[in-house]
Amino acid sequence: MSDDFTWTSPWGEVWTKAQDIALLKSGDSVITSWVLSDMKVRVYGDTAVVTGRDTTEETYKGKDVSSQRRWTHTWVKRAGRWQCVASQSSWIPQK
């Protein structure tokens, strides 16, 4: 993650790298399974756009928040390293 990383959540909140790391450290979010699929990578010079889907089994503060999502990650190559600079995810409605 780049220092200026932002994530737009499925509920419309915008998170920074610091907020994302703080959540992981807090233990409030526990992911027991995370399956990635349908990933596609498109590279445009020093920028890459990665799209995909994930299925997670997760609890947040003890509540089941398992879901399926589609997402887009934007990566930039800086000083020879690929860094994720932005991410957005949307829930896939369950039928």
Protein backbone atom coordinates (compact mmCIF):
# COMPACT_ATOMS: atom_id res chain seq x y z
CA MET A 1 0.00 0.00 0.00
CA SER A 2 1.21 3.46 -0.77
CA ASP A 3 1.28 6.01 2.05
CA ASP A 4 -1.53 7.92 0.29
CA PHE A 5 -3.66 4.77 -0.22
CA THR A 6 -7.46 5.13 -0.03
CA TRP A 7 -10.15 2.47 0.04
CA THR A 8 -13.79 3.18 -0.74
CA SER A 9 -15.86 0.60 1.11
CA PRO A 10 -19.10 -1.02 -0.08
CA TRP A 11 -21.02 1.29 2.28
CA GLY A 12 -19.38 4.44 0.87
CA GLU A 13 -16.80 5.23 3.54
CA VAL A 14 -13.29 6.28 2.50
CA TRP A 15 -10.47 4.77 4.54
CA THR A 16 -6.78 5.69 4.64
CA LYS A 17 -3.84 3.32 4.91
CA ALA A 18 -3.52 4.18 8.61
CA GLN A 19 -7.20 3.37 9.26
CA ASP A 20 -6.93 0.07 7.38
CA ILE A 21 -3.86 -1.00 9.35
CA ALA A 22 -5.44 0.10 12.65
CA LEU A 23 -8.49 -2.08 11.90
CA LEU A 24 -6.29 -5.09 11.22
CA LYS A 25 -4.31 -4.54 14.43
CA SER A 26 -7.46 -4.03 16.55
CA GLY A 27 -8.67 -7.59 16.10
CA ASP A 28 -12.23 -6.29 15.50
CA SER A 29 -12.22 -7.85 12.03
CA VAL A 30 -11.49 -11.58 11.83
CA ILE A 31 -11.29 -13.19 8.40
CA THR A 32 -11.36 -17.00 8.47
CA SER A 33 -11.58 -17.51 4.70
CA TRP A 34 -10.81 -15.23 1.74
CA VAL A 35 -11.14 -16.67 -1.76
CA LEU A 36 -10.15 -14.54 -4.77
CA SER A 37 -11.46 -15.20 -8.28
CA ASP A 38 -12.09 -13.61 -11.69
CA MET A 39 -8.93 -11.50 -11.41
CA LYS A 40 -7.90 -9.49 -14.46
CA VAL A 41 -4.83 -7.26 -14.67
CA ARG A 42 -4.43 -4.46 -17.21
CA VAL A 43 -1.12 -2.59 -17.31
CA TYR A 44 -0.78 0.92 -18.73
CA GLY A 45 2.87 1.87 -18.45
CA ASP A 46 3.57 2.49 -14.75
CA THR A 47 -0.10 2.03 -13.80
CA ALA A 48 -2.09 -1.18 -13.45
CA VAL A 49 -5.79 -1.76 -12.87
CA VAL A 50 -6.74 -5.05 -11.23
CA THR A 51 -10.36 -6.19 -11.05
CA GLY A 52 -11.71 -9.25 -9.34
CA ARG A 53 -14.12 -10.90 -6.99
CA ASP A 54 -13.75 -12.24 -3.47
CA THR A 55 -15.77 -14.38 -1.13
CA THR A 56 -15.00 -13.89 2.55
CA GLU A 57 -16.03 -15.50 5.80
CA GLU A 58 -15.58 -12.70 8.30
CA THR A 59 -16.76 -11.36 11.62
CA TYR A 60 -16.64 -7.73 12.71
CA LYS A 61 -16.91 -7.11 16.45
CA GLY A 62 -18.40 -10.59 16.77
CA LYS A 63 -21.05 -10.11 14.07
CA ASP A 64 -21.03 -12.22 10.89
CA VAL A 65 -20.27 -9.92 7.94
CA SER A 66 -19.37 -12.63 5.41
CA SER A 67 -19.88 -11.45 1.85
CA GLN A 68 -19.09 -11.61 -1.83
CA ARG A 69 -17.65 -8.50 -3.45
CA ARG A 70 -16.39 -7.17 -6.76
CA TRP A 71 -13.45 -4.81 -6.50
CA THR A 72 -11.02 -2.63 -8.40
CA HIS A 73 -7.46 -1.90 -7.25
CA THR A 74 -5.25 0.74 -8.86
CA TRP A 75 -1.49 0.19 -8.68
CA VAL A 76 1.36 2.55 -9.57
CA LYS A 77 5.00 1.61 -10.08
CA ARG A 78 7.15 3.95 -7.98
CA ALA A 79 10.91 3.62 -7.60
CA GLY A 80 10.73 0.13 -9.13
CA ARG A 81 8.02 -1.12 -6.72
CA TRP A 82 4.33 -1.68 -7.37
CA GLN A 83 2.15 0.02 -4.76
CA CYS A 84 -1.63 -0.05 -4.42
CA VAL A 85 -2.85 3.56 -4.36
CA ALA A 86 -6.63 3.10 -4.44
CA SER A 87 -9.21 0.40 -3.96
CA GLN A 88 -12.98 0.26 -4.25
CA SER A 89 -15.30 -2.64 -3.47
CA SER A 90 -19.00 -3.33 -3.97
CA TRP A 91 -21.13 -6.08 -2.46
CA ILE A 92 -22.65 -8.68 -4.74
CA PRO A 93 -26.29 -9.07 -3.67
CA GLN A 94 -27.13 -12.60 -2.51
CA LYS A 95 -30.05 -14.27 -4.26
